[in-house]
Amino acid sequence: MGLFVVRVGLSHFIASLAAMVIVRGLCLLITKGTPLSLFSLPPEFKFVGQGSLGGLPVVVLIFIVLAVVFDFLLRRSAKFRTIFYTGSNEKAAEYSGIRTKRVIFWVTVLCSTLTGLAGVIFMARFGSATPQFGVGMELNVIAAAVIGGASLKGGQGSIFGAVLGVALLSLVTSSLILLDVSVYMQDMIKGFILLAAVSFDHLMNKRGKRS
């Protein structure tokens, strides 16, 4: 994905979308669409997804640690700050001496690695490898990031904001379930939320350019 973005010049979104479709197809081909049981896995591996420390699930602890570490790095680390500079204005960042292509490549690698880690944790939590897991989740991820302050134009956003976006989206989903709203209607509402968030982001960027 990183090579296609950096060398070929594809957008991150298109490269990610294409990779998602290819990998999902590969998973279906290998498993023939059947979930694979992993109950014979070592207890230590299952503990990662099902265990708890001090009354707090290990999964939640991993999430908190990763969120805190990367939020700190994005705010304090000079290397990670180059991500914001590259995202806000790639040409200006390049003229400033930042190797933007390298930044884009390694950000892609990092995102893919964390996605793989999430898949491994899912297997440990549910004791199975489900080829259909995550279908439709990409919409929730984009919505949560945009609601949390990330800009689709780049250069804005924070880990803490994305966490708040996830919390808000989860609250909306839980509320819809409690209100006994149809599953099909829930997807429509989430779509409208995403559309509203992206529209707001676009209008704010447009106003910023005028200013």
N, C-alpha and C. Protein backbone atom coordinates (compact mmCIF):
# COMPACT_ATOMS: atom_id res chain seq x y z
N MET A 1 0.83 -1.20 0.00
CA MET A 1 0.00 0.00 0.00
C MET A 1 0.87 1.25 0.00
N GLY A 2 1.90 1.22 0.85
CA GLY A 2 2.81 2.37 0.92
C GLY A 2 3.50 2.64 -0.41
N LEU A 3 3.91 1.59 -1.08
CA LEU A 3 4.57 1.74 -2.38
C LEU A 3 3.61 2.28 -3.44
N PHE A 4 2.38 1.82 -3.41
CA PHE A 4 1.39 2.32 -4.38
C PHE A 4 1.08 3.80 -4.14
N VAL A 5 1.06 4.20 -2.87
CA VAL A 5 0.78 5.60 -2.55
C VAL A 5 1.97 6.48 -2.93
N VAL A 6 3.17 6.02 -2.56
CA VAL A 6 4.37 6.84 -2.75
C VAL A 6 4.87 6.79 -4.19
N ARG A 7 4.95 5.60 -4.78
CA ARG A 7 5.54 5.46 -6.12
C ARG A 7 4.54 5.70 -7.24
N VAL A 8 3.36 5.11 -7.12
CA VAL A 8 2.36 5.24 -8.19
C VAL A 8 1.61 6.55 -8.07
N GLY A 9 1.41 7.03 -6.82
CA GLY A 9 0.73 8.29 -6.62
C GLY A 9 -0.75 8.15 -6.31
N LEU A 10 -1.18 6.95 -5.91
CA LEU A 10 -2.58 6.76 -5.54
C LEU A 10 -2.88 7.45 -4.21
N SER A 11 -4.14 7.78 -3.99
CA SER A 11 -4.52 8.36 -2.70
C SER A 11 -4.54 7.24 -1.66
N HIS A 12 -4.34 7.62 -0.40
CA HIS A 12 -4.36 6.64 0.68
C HIS A 12 -5.68 5.90 0.73
N PHE A 13 -6.76 6.64 0.51
CA PHE A 13 -8.10 6.05 0.62
C PHE A 13 -8.30 4.95 -0.42
N ILE A 14 -7.92 5.23 -1.67
CA ILE A 14 -8.09 4.25 -2.75
C ILE A 14 -7.21 3.03 -2.52
N ALA A 15 -5.95 3.26 -2.11
CA ALA A 15 -5.03 2.15 -1.85
C ALA A 15 -5.55 1.27 -0.71
N SER A 16 -6.07 1.90 0.35
CA SER A 16 -6.61 1.16 1.49
C SER A 16 -7.84 0.37 1.09
N LEU A 17 -8.71 0.99 0.29
CA LEU A 17 -9.94 0.33 -0.16
C LEU A 17 -9.62 -0.89 -1.01
N ALA A 18 -8.66 -0.73 -1.93
CA ALA A 18 -8.27 -1.84 -2.80
C ALA A 18 -7.64 -2.98 -2.00
N ALA A 19 -6.76 -2.63 -1.05
CA ALA A 19 -6.12 -3.65 -0.21
C ALA A 19 -7.15 -4.38 0.63
N MET A 20 -8.14 -3.65 1.15
CA MET A 20 -9.19 -4.27 1.96
C MET A 20 -9.96 -5.32 1.15
N VAL A 21 -10.33 -4.97 -0.07
CA VAL A 21 -11.09 -5.90 -0.93
C VAL A 21 -10.24 -7.12 -1.27
N ILE A 22 -8.96 -6.90 -1.60
CA ILE A 22 -8.06 -8.01 -1.96
C ILE A 22 -7.87 -8.96 -0.78
N VAL A 23 -7.60 -8.41 0.41
CA VAL A 23 -7.35 -9.24 1.59
C VAL A 23 -8.61 -9.99 2.01
N ARG A 24 -9.76 -9.33 1.94
CA ARG A 24 -11.02 -10.02 2.27
C ARG A 24 -11.28 -11.17 1.31
N GLY A 25 -11.00 -10.93 0.03
CA GLY A 25 -11.17 -12.00 -0.95
C GLY A 25 -10.22 -13.15 -0.68
N LEU A 26 -8.99 -12.83 -0.28
CA LEU A 26 -8.00 -13.86 0.04
C LEU A 26 -8.43 -14.67 1.26
N CYS A 27 -8.98 -13.98 2.27
CA CYS A 27 -9.47 -14.68 3.48
C CYS A 27 -10.61 -15.63 3.14
N LEU A 28 -11.53 -15.18 2.29
CA LEU A 28 -12.65 -16.03 1.89
C LEU A 28 -12.17 -17.22 1.08
N LEU A 29 -11.13 -16.99 0.26
CA LEU A 29 -10.58 -18.07 -0.57
C LEU A 29 -9.91 -19.13 0.30
N ILE A 30 -9.16 -18.70 1.30
CA ILE A 30 -8.44 -19.64 2.17
C ILE A 30 -9.41 -20.42 3.06
N THR A 31 -10.38 -19.71 3.64
CA THR A 31 -11.29 -20.33 4.60
C THR A 31 -12.54 -20.91 3.96
N LYS A 32 -12.75 -20.57 2.64
CA LYS A 32 -13.98 -20.95 1.93
C LYS A 32 -15.22 -20.39 2.63
N GLY A 33 -15.04 -19.22 3.27
CA GLY A 33 -16.14 -18.54 3.92
C GLY A 33 -16.58 -19.11 5.24
N THR A 34 -15.82 -20.08 5.76
CA THR A 34 -16.18 -20.74 7.02
C THR A 34 -15.29 -20.26 8.16
N PRO A 35 -15.88 -19.83 9.28
CA PRO A 35 -15.06 -19.42 10.44
C PRO A 35 -14.19 -20.58 10.93
N LEU A 36 -12.94 -20.28 11.27
CA LEU A 36 -12.02 -21.30 11.75
C LEU A 36 -11.96 -21.27 13.26
N SER A 37 -12.20 -22.42 13.88
CA SER A 37 -12.16 -22.52 15.34
C SER A 37 -10.70 -22.55 15.80
N LEU A 38 -10.40 -21.80 16.85
CA LEU A 38 -9.03 -21.72 17.36
C LEU A 38 -8.98 -22.06 18.84
N PHE A 39 -9.85 -22.97 19.27
CA PHE A 39 -9.92 -23.32 20.69
C PHE A 39 -8.67 -24.05 21.18
N SER A 40 -7.86 -24.57 20.26
CA SER A 40 -6.64 -25.27 20.65
C SER A 40 -5.46 -24.33 20.88
N LEU A 41 -5.71 -23.03 20.80
CA LEU A 41 -4.64 -22.06 21.01
C LEU A 41 -4.15 -22.09 22.46
N PRO A 42 -2.89 -21.70 22.69
CA PRO A 42 -2.36 -21.69 24.06
C PRO A 42 -3.14 -20.74 24.96
N PRO A 43 -3.27 -21.07 26.24
CA PRO A 43 -3.99 -20.21 27.20
C PRO A 43 -3.41 -18.80 27.28
N GLU A 44 -2.08 -18.71 27.10
CA GLU A 44 -1.43 -17.39 27.16
C GLU A 44 -1.94 -16.47 26.05
N PHE A 45 -2.18 -17.07 24.89
CA PHE A 45 -2.70 -16.28 23.76
C PHE A 45 -4.14 -15.85 24.01
N LYS A 46 -4.94 -16.77 24.53
CA LYS A 46 -6.34 -16.45 24.84
C LYS A 46 -6.45 -15.39 25.93
N PHE A 47 -5.48 -15.38 26.83
CA PHE A 47 -5.49 -14.41 27.94
C PHE A 47 -5.45 -12.98 27.41
N VAL A 48 -4.76 -12.79 26.29
CA VAL A 48 -4.66 -11.46 25.69
C VAL A 48 -6.04 -10.92 25.35
N GLY A 49 -6.91 -11.79 24.85
CA GLY A 49 -8.24 -11.34 24.44
C GLY A 49 -9.33 -11.53 25.47
N GLN A 50 -9.12 -12.50 26.38
CA GLN A 50 -10.19 -12.85 27.32
C GLN A 50 -9.86 -12.61 28.78
N GLY A 51 -8.58 -12.39 29.08
CA GLY A 51 -8.17 -12.22 30.47
C GLY A 51 -8.36 -10.80 30.98
N SER A 52 -8.06 -10.59 32.25
CA SER A 52 -8.18 -9.27 32.86
C SER A 52 -7.08 -9.10 33.91
N LEU A 53 -6.70 -7.85 34.13
CA LEU A 53 -5.70 -7.51 35.15
C LEU A 53 -6.30 -6.42 36.04
N GLY A 54 -6.38 -6.73 37.34
CA GLY A 54 -6.95 -5.75 38.26
C GLY A 54 -8.41 -5.42 37.97
N GLY A 55 -9.13 -6.39 37.42
CA GLY A 55 -10.54 -6.15 37.11
C GLY A 55 -10.79 -5.47 35.78
N LEU A 56 -9.71 -5.12 35.07
CA LEU A 56 -9.83 -4.45 33.77
C LEU A 56 -9.41 -5.41 32.67
N PRO A 57 -10.23 -5.60 31.65
CA PRO A 57 -9.87 -6.52 30.56
C PRO A 57 -8.55 -6.14 29.90
N VAL A 58 -7.76 -7.14 29.54
CA VAL A 58 -6.46 -6.90 28.90
C VAL A 58 -6.64 -6.13 27.59
N VAL A 59 -7.73 -6.42 26.88
CA VAL A 59 -8.01 -5.73 25.61
C VAL A 59 -8.13 -4.22 25.84
N VAL A 60 -8.84 -3.84 26.89
CA VAL A 60 -9.00 -2.42 27.22
C VAL A 60 -7.67 -1.81 27.62
N LEU A 61 -6.87 -2.55 28.38
CA LEU A 61 -5.55 -2.06 28.79
C LEU A 61 -4.65 -1.80 27.58
N ILE A 62 -4.67 -2.74 26.63
CA ILE A 62 -3.87 -2.56 25.40
C ILE A 62 -4.32 -1.32 24.66
N PHE A 63 -5.65 -1.14 24.57
CA PHE A 63 -6.20 0.03 23.89
C PHE A 63 -5.76 1.33 24.56
N ILE A 64 -5.84 1.37 25.89
CA ILE A 64 -5.46 2.57 26.63
C ILE A 64 -3.98 2.88 26.46
N VAL A 65 -3.14 1.84 26.57
CA VAL A 65 -1.69 2.02 26.44
C VAL A 65 -1.34 2.56 25.05
N LEU A 66 -1.89 1.95 24.01
CA LEU A 66 -1.61 2.39 22.65
C LEU A 66 -2.09 3.82 22.41
N ALA A 67 -3.30 4.13 22.91
CA ALA A 67 -3.86 5.48 22.72
C ALA A 67 -2.99 6.52 23.42
N VAL A 68 -2.58 6.25 24.66
CA VAL A 68 -1.77 7.21 25.42
C VAL A 68 -0.39 7.39 24.79
N VAL A 69 0.24 6.27 24.41
CA VAL A 69 1.59 6.33 23.83
C VAL A 69 1.59 7.11 22.52
N PHE A 70 0.67 6.79 21.62
CA PHE A 70 0.67 7.46 20.32
C PHE A 70 0.18 8.89 20.41
N ASP A 71 -0.72 9.18 21.36
CA ASP A 71 -1.14 10.57 21.55
C ASP A 71 0.03 11.40 22.04
N PHE A 72 0.83 10.84 22.96
CA PHE A 72 2.02 11.53 23.46
C PHE A 72 3.03 11.76 22.33
N LEU A 73 3.25 10.72 21.52
CA LEU A 73 4.22 10.84 20.42
C LEU A 73 3.79 11.88 19.40
N LEU A 74 2.50 11.92 19.09
CA LEU A 74 2.01 12.89 18.11
C LEU A 74 2.11 14.32 18.62
N ARG A 75 2.05 14.49 19.94
CA ARG A 75 2.13 15.83 20.52
C ARG A 75 3.57 16.26 20.81
N ARG A 76 4.43 15.31 21.19
CA ARG A 76 5.75 15.67 21.71
C ARG A 76 6.93 15.28 20.81
N SER A 77 6.73 14.24 19.99
CA SER A 77 7.85 13.74 19.18
C SER A 77 7.99 14.53 17.88
N ALA A 78 9.21 14.97 17.62
CA ALA A 78 9.46 15.73 16.39
C ALA A 78 9.20 14.88 15.14
N LYS A 79 9.55 13.60 15.22
CA LYS A 79 9.34 12.69 14.09
C LYS A 79 7.86 12.56 13.77
N PHE A 80 7.05 12.40 14.80
CA PHE A 80 5.62 12.21 14.58
C PHE A 80 4.93 13.53 14.20
N ARG A 81 5.50 14.67 14.59
CA ARG A 81 4.92 15.96 14.20
C ARG A 81 5.02 16.17 12.69
N THR A 82 6.01 15.53 12.07
CA THR A 82 6.14 15.67 10.62
C THR A 82 4.92 15.10 9.88
N ILE A 83 4.17 14.22 10.54
CA ILE A 83 2.95 13.67 9.95
C ILE A 83 1.94 14.78 9.74
N PHE A 84 1.79 15.66 10.74
CA PHE A 84 0.86 16.79 10.63
C PHE A 84 1.31 17.76 9.54
N TYR A 85 2.61 18.04 9.50
CA TYR A 85 3.12 18.98 8.50
C TYR A 85 2.92 18.43 7.09
N THR A 86 3.17 17.14 6.93
CA THR A 86 2.99 16.51 5.63
C THR A 86 1.52 16.50 5.23
N GLY A 87 0.66 16.22 6.19
CA GLY A 87 -0.77 16.16 5.90
C GLY A 87 -1.38 17.50 5.59
N SER A 88 -0.93 18.56 6.27
CA SER A 88 -1.52 19.89 6.06
C SER A 88 -1.07 20.51 4.75
N ASN A 89 0.22 20.34 4.41
CA ASN A 89 0.73 20.90 3.15
C ASN A 89 1.99 20.14 2.76
N GLU A 90 1.82 19.15 1.90
CA GLU A 90 2.93 18.27 1.55
C GLU A 90 4.06 19.02 0.85
N LYS A 91 3.70 19.94 -0.04
CA LYS A 91 4.72 20.69 -0.78
C LYS A 91 5.55 21.56 0.16
N ALA A 92 4.87 22.28 1.05
CA ALA A 92 5.58 23.14 2.00
C ALA A 92 6.47 22.32 2.92
N ALA A 93 5.97 21.15 3.35
CA ALA A 93 6.76 20.27 4.20
C ALA A 93 8.01 19.78 3.48
N GLU A 94 7.84 19.48 2.20
CA GLU A 94 8.98 19.01 1.39
C GLU A 94 10.01 20.10 1.22
N TYR A 95 9.56 21.34 1.00
CA TYR A 95 10.48 22.46 0.86
C TYR A 95 11.19 22.77 2.19
N SER A 96 10.56 22.36 3.29
CA SER A 96 11.15 22.60 4.62
C SER A 96 12.19 21.54 4.98
N GLY A 97 12.38 20.58 4.11
CA GLY A 97 13.39 19.54 4.35
C GLY A 97 12.84 18.23 4.87
N ILE A 98 11.52 18.13 4.99
CA ILE A 98 10.91 16.88 5.46
C ILE A 98 10.80 15.91 4.29
N ARG A 99 11.23 14.69 4.50
CA ARG A 99 11.14 13.66 3.45
C ARG A 99 9.73 13.09 3.48
N THR A 100 8.84 13.79 2.79
CA THR A 100 7.40 13.50 2.87
C THR A 100 7.04 12.10 2.39
N LYS A 101 7.73 11.64 1.35
CA LYS A 101 7.43 10.30 0.82
C LYS A 101 7.72 9.23 1.87
N ARG A 102 8.82 9.41 2.59
CA ARG A 102 9.17 8.46 3.64
C ARG A 102 8.13 8.52 4.77
N VAL A 103 7.68 9.72 5.12
CA VAL A 103 6.67 9.87 6.16
C VAL A 103 5.39 9.15 5.78
N ILE A 104 4.93 9.36 4.55
CA ILE A 104 3.70 8.73 4.06
C ILE A 104 3.83 7.22 4.06
N PHE A 105 4.99 6.73 3.60
CA PHE A 105 5.21 5.28 3.54
C PHE A 105 5.13 4.65 4.92
N TRP A 106 5.84 5.24 5.90
CA TRP A 106 5.91 4.62 7.23
C TRP A 106 4.61 4.80 8.01
N VAL A 107 3.85 5.85 7.71
CA VAL A 107 2.52 5.98 8.32
C VAL A 107 1.61 4.87 7.83
N THR A 108 1.70 4.56 6.54
CA THR A 108 0.92 3.47 5.96
C THR A 108 1.30 2.13 6.60
N VAL A 109 2.58 1.91 6.77
CA VAL A 109 3.07 0.67 7.39
C VAL A 109 2.59 0.57 8.84
N LEU A 110 2.66 1.69 9.57
CA LEU A 110 2.24 1.70 10.97
C LEU A 110 0.74 1.41 11.10
N CYS A 111 -0.07 2.05 10.26
CA CYS A 111 -1.53 1.82 10.30
C CYS A 111 -1.85 0.36 9.98
N SER A 112 -1.17 -0.20 9.00
CA SER A 112 -1.40 -1.59 8.61
C SER A 112 -0.99 -2.55 9.73
N THR A 113 0.12 -2.23 10.40
CA THR A 113 0.59 -3.06 11.51
C THR A 113 -0.42 -3.06 12.66
N LEU A 114 -0.95 -1.88 12.99
CA LEU A 114 -1.94 -1.79 14.07
C LEU A 114 -3.23 -2.50 13.69
N THR A 115 -3.57 -2.47 12.42
CA THR A 115 -4.75 -3.21 11.95
C THR A 115 -4.54 -4.70 12.12
N GLY A 116 -3.34 -5.18 11.78
CA GLY A 116 -3.02 -6.59 11.98
C GLY A 116 -3.06 -6.98 13.44
N LEU A 117 -2.58 -6.09 14.31
CA LEU A 117 -2.62 -6.34 15.75
C LEU A 117 -4.07 -6.46 16.23
N ALA A 118 -4.94 -5.59 15.71
CA ALA A 118 -6.37 -5.65 16.07
C ALA A 118 -6.98 -6.98 15.66
N GLY A 119 -6.58 -7.49 14.49
CA GLY A 119 -7.08 -8.78 14.03
C GLY A 119 -6.64 -9.93 14.92
N VAL A 120 -5.39 -9.87 15.38
CA VAL A 120 -4.86 -10.91 16.27
C VAL A 120 -5.59 -10.88 17.61
N ILE A 121 -5.82 -9.67 18.14
CA ILE A 121 -6.54 -9.53 19.41
C ILE A 121 -7.97 -10.04 19.27
N PHE A 122 -8.59 -9.79 18.12
CA PHE A 122 -9.95 -10.29 17.88
C PHE A 122 -9.97 -11.82 17.94
N MET A 123 -8.98 -12.45 17.30
CA MET A 123 -8.90 -13.92 17.33
C MET A 123 -8.74 -14.43 18.75
N ALA A 124 -7.90 -13.75 19.53
CA ALA A 124 -7.68 -14.18 20.91
C ALA A 124 -8.94 -13.98 21.75
N ARG A 125 -9.71 -12.95 21.44
CA ARG A 125 -10.90 -12.64 22.24
C ARG A 125 -12.04 -13.62 21.98
N PHE A 126 -12.27 -13.96 20.71
CA PHE A 126 -13.41 -14.79 20.36
C PHE A 126 -13.04 -16.24 20.03
N GLY A 127 -11.74 -16.54 20.01
CA GLY A 127 -11.30 -17.91 19.78
C GLY A 127 -11.60 -18.44 18.41
N SER A 128 -11.72 -17.54 17.43
CA SER A 128 -11.99 -17.98 16.06
C SER A 128 -11.50 -16.93 15.07
N ALA A 129 -11.26 -17.39 13.85
CA ALA A 129 -10.87 -16.49 12.76
C ALA A 129 -12.06 -16.41 11.81
N THR A 130 -12.75 -15.28 11.82
CA THR A 130 -13.96 -15.11 11.02
C THR A 130 -13.65 -14.27 9.79
N PRO A 131 -13.79 -14.84 8.59
CA PRO A 131 -13.44 -14.09 7.37
C PRO A 131 -14.32 -12.87 7.13
N GLN A 132 -15.52 -12.86 7.71
CA GLN A 132 -16.43 -11.73 7.50
C GLN A 132 -16.31 -10.65 8.57
N PHE A 133 -15.39 -10.85 9.52
CA PHE A 133 -15.25 -9.86 10.59
C PHE A 133 -14.82 -8.51 10.03
N GLY A 134 -15.42 -7.45 10.54
CA GLY A 134 -15.03 -6.10 10.15
C GLY A 134 -15.75 -5.55 8.95
N VAL A 135 -16.63 -6.33 8.34
CA VAL A 135 -17.38 -5.84 7.17
C VAL A 135 -18.27 -4.69 7.60
N GLY A 136 -18.10 -3.55 6.98
CA GLY A 136 -18.87 -2.36 7.32
C GLY A 136 -18.25 -1.52 8.42
N MET A 137 -17.22 -2.06 9.09
CA MET A 137 -16.61 -1.33 10.20
C MET A 137 -15.81 -0.12 9.72
N GLU A 138 -15.35 -0.17 8.46
CA GLU A 138 -14.57 0.96 7.93
C GLU A 138 -15.37 2.26 7.97
N LEU A 139 -16.68 2.16 7.78
CA LEU A 139 -17.55 3.34 7.83
C LEU A 139 -17.56 3.93 9.24
N ASN A 140 -17.63 3.07 10.24
CA ASN A 140 -17.61 3.52 11.63
C ASN A 140 -16.28 4.17 11.99
N VAL A 141 -15.20 3.60 11.47
CA VAL A 141 -13.86 4.12 11.76
C VAL A 141 -13.71 5.53 11.19
N ILE A 142 -14.12 5.71 9.94
CA ILE A 142 -14.03 7.04 9.30
C ILE A 142 -14.89 8.04 10.05
N ALA A 143 -16.13 7.63 10.38
CA ALA A 143 -17.05 8.52 11.10
C ALA A 143 -16.48 8.92 12.45
N ALA A 144 -15.92 7.95 13.19
CA ALA A 144 -15.36 8.24 14.51
C ALA A 144 -14.19 9.21 14.42
N ALA A 145 -13.33 9.02 13.43
CA ALA A 145 -12.16 9.89 13.26
C ALA A 145 -12.58 11.32 12.92
N VAL A 146 -13.53 11.45 11.99
CA VAL A 146 -13.98 12.78 11.56
C VAL A 146 -14.74 13.48 12.68
N ILE A 147 -15.61 12.74 13.38
CA ILE A 147 -16.34 13.31 14.52
C ILE A 147 -15.37 13.77 15.60
N GLY A 148 -14.27 13.03 15.75
CA GLY A 148 -13.26 13.37 16.76
C GLY A 148 -12.33 14.50 16.38
N GLY A 149 -12.55 15.10 15.20
CA GLY A 149 -11.76 16.27 14.82
C GLY A 149 -10.73 16.05 13.73
N ALA A 150 -10.57 14.83 13.25
CA ALA A 150 -9.63 14.57 12.15
C ALA A 150 -10.20 15.14 10.85
N SER A 151 -9.34 15.71 10.04
CA SER A 151 -9.77 16.28 8.77
C SER A 151 -9.42 15.33 7.63
N LEU A 152 -10.36 15.15 6.71
CA LEU A 152 -10.09 14.31 5.54
C LEU A 152 -9.07 14.96 4.61
N LYS A 153 -8.85 16.25 4.80
CA LYS A 153 -7.86 16.97 4.00
C LYS A 153 -6.45 16.78 4.56
N GLY A 154 -6.37 16.27 5.82
CA GLY A 154 -5.07 16.05 6.44
C GLY A 154 -4.63 17.20 7.31
N GLY A 155 -3.66 16.92 8.19
CA GLY A 155 -3.05 17.96 9.00
C GLY A 155 -3.77 18.31 10.28
N GLN A 156 -4.89 17.67 10.57
CA GLN A 156 -5.65 17.95 11.78
C GLN A 156 -6.08 16.66 12.45
N GLY A 157 -6.34 16.76 13.75
CA GLY A 157 -6.83 15.59 14.48
C GLY A 157 -5.89 15.16 15.58
N SER A 158 -6.40 14.28 16.45
CA SER A 158 -5.60 13.75 17.55
C SER A 158 -6.13 12.38 17.93
N ILE A 159 -5.30 11.62 18.61
CA ILE A 159 -5.71 10.30 19.09
C ILE A 159 -6.84 10.43 20.09
N PHE A 160 -6.70 11.40 21.01
CA PHE A 160 -7.72 11.60 22.04
C PHE A 160 -9.06 11.96 21.39
N GLY A 161 -9.03 12.79 20.34
CA GLY A 161 -10.25 13.15 19.64
C GLY A 161 -10.89 11.95 18.97
N ALA A 162 -10.06 11.08 18.38
CA ALA A 162 -10.59 9.87 17.74
C ALA A 162 -11.24 8.94 18.77
N VAL A 163 -10.62 8.86 19.97
CA VAL A 163 -11.20 8.04 21.05
C VAL A 163 -12.57 8.59 21.45
N LEU A 164 -12.68 9.91 21.56
CA LEU A 164 -13.96 10.53 21.88
C LEU A 164 -14.98 10.27 20.78
N GLY A 165 -14.51 10.28 19.53
CA GLY A 165 -15.40 9.99 18.40
C GLY A 165 -15.94 8.57 18.47
N VAL A 166 -15.07 7.62 18.82
CA VAL A 166 -15.49 6.22 18.98
C VAL A 166 -16.51 6.11 20.11
N ALA A 167 -16.24 6.81 21.23
CA ALA A 167 -17.15 6.76 22.38
C ALA A 167 -18.52 7.33 22.02
N LEU A 168 -18.53 8.44 21.28
CA LEU A 168 -19.79 9.07 20.88
C LEU A 168 -20.57 8.17 19.93
N LEU A 169 -19.86 7.56 18.99
CA LEU A 169 -20.52 6.67 18.04
C LEU A 169 -21.08 5.43 18.74
N SER A 170 -20.33 4.91 19.71
CA SER A 170 -20.81 3.76 20.49
C SER A 170 -22.03 4.14 21.31
N LEU A 171 -22.04 5.36 21.84
CA LEU A 171 -23.18 5.85 22.61
C LEU A 171 -24.42 5.95 21.74
N VAL A 172 -24.24 6.45 20.52
CA VAL A 172 -25.36 6.55 19.58
C VAL A 172 -25.90 5.17 19.24
N THR A 173 -24.98 4.21 18.97
CA THR A 173 -25.40 2.85 18.63
C THR A 173 -26.16 2.20 19.78
N SER A 174 -25.62 2.35 21.00
CA SER A 174 -26.29 1.77 22.18
C SER A 174 -27.66 2.39 22.39
N SER A 175 -27.77 3.69 22.18
CA SER A 175 -29.05 4.39 22.36
C SER A 175 -30.07 3.89 21.35
N LEU A 176 -29.63 3.69 20.11
CA LEU A 176 -30.55 3.20 19.08
C LEU A 176 -31.05 1.80 19.40
N ILE A 177 -30.15 0.96 19.96
CA ILE A 177 -30.55 -0.40 20.35
C ILE A 177 -31.56 -0.35 21.49
N LEU A 178 -31.29 0.52 22.49
CA LEU A 178 -32.20 0.65 23.63
C LEU A 178 -33.58 1.18 23.20
N LEU A 179 -33.57 2.03 22.16
CA LEU A 179 -34.82 2.58 21.65
C LEU A 179 -35.52 1.63 20.68
N ASP A 180 -34.92 0.44 20.51
CA ASP A 180 -35.49 -0.59 19.65
C ASP A 180 -35.64 -0.12 18.20
N VAL A 181 -34.65 0.64 17.74
CA VAL A 181 -34.65 1.11 16.35
C VAL A 181 -34.19 -0.04 15.45
N SER A 182 -34.80 -0.16 14.30
CA SER A 182 -34.47 -1.23 13.36
C SER A 182 -32.98 -1.22 13.00
N VAL A 183 -32.40 -2.40 12.81
CA VAL A 183 -30.98 -2.52 12.43
C VAL A 183 -30.71 -1.78 11.13
N TYR A 184 -31.63 -1.87 10.19
CA TYR A 184 -31.46 -1.20 8.89
C TYR A 184 -31.51 0.31 9.06
N MET A 185 -32.38 0.76 9.96
CA MET A 185 -32.46 2.20 10.23
C MET A 185 -31.20 2.69 10.93
N GLN A 186 -30.59 1.84 11.76
CA GLN A 186 -29.36 2.22 12.45
C GLN A 186 -28.25 2.53 11.46
N ASP A 187 -28.13 1.70 10.42
CA ASP A 187 -27.11 1.94 9.39
C ASP A 187 -27.36 3.27 8.67
N MET A 188 -28.64 3.56 8.41
CA MET A 188 -28.99 4.82 7.75
C MET A 188 -28.60 6.01 8.62
N ILE A 189 -28.89 5.92 9.91
CA ILE A 189 -28.57 7.01 10.84
C ILE A 189 -27.06 7.22 10.92
N LYS A 190 -26.30 6.11 10.99
CA LYS A 190 -24.84 6.22 11.01
C LYS A 190 -24.33 6.87 9.73
N GLY A 191 -24.96 6.52 8.62
CA GLY A 191 -24.57 7.13 7.34
C GLY A 191 -24.82 8.63 7.33
N PHE A 192 -25.96 9.05 7.89
CA PHE A 192 -26.27 10.48 7.98
C PHE A 192 -25.30 11.20 8.91
N ILE A 193 -24.92 10.54 10.00
CA ILE A 193 -23.94 11.13 10.93
C ILE A 193 -22.62 11.35 10.23
N LEU A 194 -22.17 10.33 9.46
CA LEU A 194 -20.93 10.44 8.71
C LEU A 194 -21.01 11.57 7.68
N LEU A 195 -22.13 11.63 6.97
CA LEU A 195 -22.32 12.67 5.95
C LEU A 195 -22.28 14.06 6.59
N ALA A 196 -22.94 14.20 7.74
CA ALA A 196 -22.95 15.49 8.44
C ALA A 196 -21.55 15.87 8.90
N ALA A 197 -20.80 14.90 9.45
CA ALA A 197 -19.44 15.17 9.94
C ALA A 197 -18.51 15.56 8.81
N VAL A 198 -18.58 14.84 7.69
CA VAL A 198 -17.73 15.15 6.54
C VAL A 198 -18.10 16.50 5.94
N SER A 199 -19.40 16.79 5.87
CA SER A 199 -19.86 18.08 5.34
C SER A 199 -19.36 19.23 6.20
N PHE A 200 -19.45 19.05 7.52
CA PHE A 200 -18.96 20.08 8.45
C PHE A 200 -17.47 20.29 8.28
N ASP A 201 -16.72 19.18 8.15
CA ASP A 201 -15.27 19.25 7.94
C ASP A 201 -14.95 20.00 6.65
N HIS A 202 -15.70 19.72 5.59
CA HIS A 202 -15.47 20.38 4.29
C HIS A 202 -15.75 21.87 4.38
N LEU A 203 -16.86 22.23 5.04
CA LEU A 203 -17.22 23.65 5.17
C LEU A 203 -16.20 24.41 6.01
N MET A 204 -15.70 23.78 7.06
CA MET A 204 -14.70 24.43 7.90
C MET A 204 -13.39 24.65 7.15
N ASN A 205 -13.00 23.67 6.34
CA ASN A 205 -11.80 23.81 5.52
C ASN A 205 -11.98 24.90 4.48
N LYS A 206 -13.17 24.99 3.93
CA LYS A 206 -13.46 26.01 2.92
C LYS A 206 -13.41 27.40 3.53
N ARG A 207 -13.96 27.53 4.73
CA ARG A 207 -13.94 28.81 5.43
C ARG A 207 -12.51 29.19 5.82
N GLY A 208 -11.71 28.17 6.21
CA GLY A 208 -10.32 28.43 6.56
C GLY A 208 -9.51 28.95 5.38
N LYS A 209 -9.77 28.40 4.20
CA LYS A 209 -9.05 28.85 2.99
C LYS A 209 -9.40 30.27 2.65
N ARG A 210 -10.71 30.63 2.80
CA ARG A 210 -11.14 31.99 2.53
C ARG A 210 -10.47 33.00 3.48
N SER A 211 -10.37 32.56 4.76
CA SER A 211 -9.73 33.45 5.75
C SER A 211 -8.26 33.69 5.42
